């Protein structure tokens, strides 16, 4: 089964992590939470869900993973202020391995400069940011473009999980 990196920081959208994580684990996949500092506990913005960072992003290697999950909330915006997460995401997208991004997840993809010419979706408040980065924004529950799966918000999680698991199979 696949080994999935989950890149997160403080104030992630709880359900955009917990629901895909549960589904991936139930399907037999293994998850490693990657963040700024191993051992730190980050918390969700609505339900205060605690998640321990397993691996510092500066020590994470794309070769060690089969896919990447980018939950939304404020986490992607916080992460994109740091070079190591941006480089990790850029390398992951360019590797051709699956990348699953929901809600505000595209913010770090935009900073990594990997969305030009792609079709994707995300939270409505970043639709223009997605367009300005050279991607075509589609207002639909899930968009699959090559190795990139994207969704808009928590209501899209079932479609997001289904498309992500299909890509992993």
Protein backbone atom coordinates (compact mmCIF):
# COMPACT_ATOMS: atom_id res chain seq x y z
CA UNK A 1 0.00 0.00 0.00
CA UNK A 2 0.98 3.65 -0.36
CA UNK A 3 2.92 5.83 2.04
CA UNK A 4 1.29 9.28 2.11
CA UNK A 5 2.95 12.46 3.37
CA UNK A 6 0.53 14.93 4.96
CA UNK A 7 1.98 18.44 5.09
CA UNK A 8 0.46 20.60 7.84
CA UNK A 9 0.91 23.38 10.32
CA UNK A 10 -1.28 25.16 12.88
CA UNK A 11 -4.94 25.90 12.17
CA UNK A 12 -5.54 23.29 9.50
CA UNK A 13 -9.18 22.58 8.63
CA UNK A 14 -9.90 19.63 10.95
CA UNK A 15 -12.22 17.61 8.69
CA UNK A 16 -9.96 18.10 5.65
CA UNK A 17 -7.30 16.17 7.53
CA UNK A 18 -9.26 13.74 9.71
CA UNK A 19 -11.71 12.40 7.12
CA UNK A 20 -9.20 11.71 4.31
CA UNK A 21 -6.71 10.35 6.87
CA UNK A 22 -9.31 7.90 8.22
CA UNK A 23 -10.27 6.81 4.70
CA UNK A 24 -6.65 6.35 3.61
CA UNK A 25 -5.83 4.32 6.73
CA UNK A 26 -8.99 2.21 6.31
CA UNK A 27 -7.83 1.41 2.76
CA UNK A 28 -4.47 0.22 4.14
CA UNK A 29 -2.35 3.27 3.38
CA UNK A 30 0.24 4.64 5.82
CA UNK A 31 0.46 8.34 6.72
CA UNK A 32 3.37 10.45 7.94
CA UNK A 33 2.64 14.01 9.07
CA UNK A 34 5.30 16.40 7.80
CA UNK A 35 5.66 19.90 9.24
CA UNK A 36 8.05 22.58 10.34
CA UNK A 37 9.37 20.79 13.43
CA UNK A 38 9.15 17.10 14.34
CA UNK A 39 7.50 16.46 17.69
CA UNK A 40 5.44 19.66 17.66
CA UNK A 41 1.69 19.34 18.10
CA UNK A 42 -0.37 21.41 15.66
CA UNK A 43 -4.09 21.97 16.12
CA UNK A 44 -7.11 22.33 13.87
CA UNK A 45 -8.80 25.68 13.61
CA UNK A 46 -12.39 24.62 14.38
CA UNK A 47 -12.26 21.50 16.55
CA UNK A 48 -8.76 22.01 17.96
CA UNK A 49 -7.81 18.50 16.72
CA UNK A 50 -4.26 17.77 17.94
CA UNK A 51 -1.83 16.26 15.42
CA UNK A 52 1.83 15.50 16.16
CA UNK A 53 4.34 16.30 13.43
CA UNK A 54 6.18 13.04 12.68
CA UNK A 55 8.90 14.43 10.44
CA UNK A 56 10.44 17.87 9.86
CA UNK A 57 9.88 18.91 6.26
CA UNK A 58 13.57 19.78 5.94
CA UNK A 59 14.37 16.09 6.47
CA UNK A 60 11.51 14.73 4.33
CA UNK A 61 12.41 13.15 1.00
CA UNK A 62 9.90 12.88 -1.82
CA UNK A 63 11.41 9.48 -2.72
CA UNK A 64 10.16 8.09 0.62
CA UNK A 65 6.49 8.77 -0.20
CA UNK A 66 3.94 7.73 -2.81
CA UNK A 67 1.51 10.66 -2.46
CA UNK A 68 1.02 14.02 -0.73
CA UNK A 69 -2.07 15.34 1.10
CA UNK A 70 -2.41 19.10 1.66
CA UNK A 71 -5.33 19.88 4.00
CA UNK A 72 -6.73 23.40 3.93
CA UNK A 73 -7.45 25.95 6.63
CA UNK A 74 -4.72 28.44 7.51
CA UNK A 75 -2.02 25.77 7.43
CA UNK A 76 -1.03 26.10 3.73
CA UNK A 77 -0.65 29.88 4.07
CA UNK A 78 1.52 29.47 7.18
CA UNK A 79 3.65 26.80 5.48
CA UNK A 80 4.26 28.80 2.31
CA UNK A 81 6.08 31.45 4.33
CA UNK A 82 8.93 28.92 4.74
CA UNK A 83 11.31 27.70 2.04
CA UNK A 84 11.50 24.00 3.02
CA UNK A 85 7.75 23.24 2.71
CA UNK A 86 7.51 25.12 -0.58
CA UNK A 87 10.47 23.21 -2.04
CA UNK A 88 9.08 19.87 -0.79
CA UNK A 89 5.69 20.55 -2.42
CA UNK A 90 7.32 21.74 -5.64
CA UNK A 91 9.48 18.63 -5.85
CA UNK A 92 6.47 16.43 -5.06
CA UNK A 93 4.31 17.89 -7.83
CA UNK A 94 7.18 17.74 -10.31
CA UNK A 95 7.82 14.07 -9.40
CA UNK A 96 4.52 13.12 -10.99
CA UNK A 97 3.33 11.41 -7.81
CA UNK A 98 -0.26 12.10 -6.66
CA UNK A 99 -0.92 15.36 -4.81
CA UNK A 100 -4.26 15.82 -3.02
CA UNK A 101 -5.13 19.45 -2.22
CA UNK A 102 -8.34 20.77 -0.67
CA UNK A 103 -9.77 24.20 0.16
CA UNK A 104 -6.81 26.56 0.82
CA UNK A 105 -4.26 23.85 -0.09
CA UNK A 106 -3.58 25.49 -3.47
CA UNK A 107 -1.94 28.43 -1.67
CA UNK A 108 1.28 26.46 -1.16
CA UNK A 109 1.01 25.05 -4.70
CA UNK A 110 0.79 28.63 -6.01
CA UNK A 111 3.87 29.68 -4.02
CA UNK A 112 5.69 26.58 -5.29
CA UNK A 113 4.91 27.81 -8.84
CA UNK A 114 3.50 24.46 -10.02
CA UNK A 115 -0.06 25.28 -11.14
CA UNK A 116 0.50 27.14 -14.43
CA UNK A 117 -1.41 25.43 -17.22
CA UNK A 118 -3.24 23.10 -14.79
CA UNK A 119 -6.96 22.75 -14.08
CA UNK A 120 -7.89 22.86 -10.41
CA UNK A 121 -10.27 24.06 -7.78
CA UNK A 122 -10.06 25.42 -4.24
CA UNK A 123 -11.89 27.65 -1.80
CA UNK A 124 -13.76 30.48 -3.56
CA UNK A 125 -11.71 33.24 -1.91
CA UNK A 126 -8.54 31.98 -3.64
CA UNK A 127 -10.12 31.39 -7.06
CA UNK A 128 -8.53 34.56 -8.44
CA UNK A 129 -5.16 33.63 -6.91
CA UNK A 130 -5.37 30.30 -8.75
CA UNK A 131 -6.17 32.10 -12.01
CA UNK A 132 -3.39 34.66 -11.45
CA UNK A 133 -0.94 31.76 -11.00
CA UNK A 134 -1.84 30.55 -14.50
CA UNK A 135 -4.24 27.71 -13.69
CA UNK A 136 -7.79 27.29 -14.90
CA UNK A 137 -10.15 27.47 -11.91
CA UNK A 138 -13.12 25.10 -12.09
CA UNK A 139 -15.94 25.50 -9.54
CA UNK A 140 -16.71 21.82 -9.01
CA UNK A 141 -16.51 19.27 -6.20
CA UNK A 142 -13.35 17.59 -7.46
CA UNK A 143 -10.93 18.30 -10.29
CA UNK A 144 -8.37 15.74 -11.43
CA UNK A 145 -5.58 17.04 -13.68
CA UNK A 146 -2.69 14.62 -14.16
CA UNK A 147 -1.27 13.89 -10.71
CA UNK A 148 -3.25 16.69 -9.01
CA UNK A 149 -6.59 16.12 -7.24
CA UNK A 150 -8.25 19.25 -5.82
CA UNK A 151 -11.53 20.08 -4.06
CA UNK A 152 -13.19 23.25 -2.77
CA UNK A 153 -14.31 22.79 0.84
CA UNK A 154 -15.37 20.23 3.51
CA UNK A 155 -18.65 19.49 1.70
CA UNK A 156 -16.59 18.04 -1.16
CA UNK A 157 -14.67 15.60 1.06
CA UNK A 158 -16.54 12.45 -0.09
CA UNK A 159 -15.75 13.19 -3.77
CA UNK A 160 -12.20 14.21 -2.82
CA UNK A 161 -11.60 10.94 -0.97
CA UNK A 162 -13.09 8.88 -3.79
CA UNK A 163 -10.88 10.54 -6.45
CA UNK A 164 -7.80 10.33 -4.22
CA UNK A 165 -8.29 6.63 -3.43
CA UNK A 166 -8.89 5.92 -7.13
CA UNK A 167 -5.56 7.57 -7.96
CA UNK A 168 -3.81 5.50 -5.28
CA UNK A 169 -5.18 2.20 -6.60
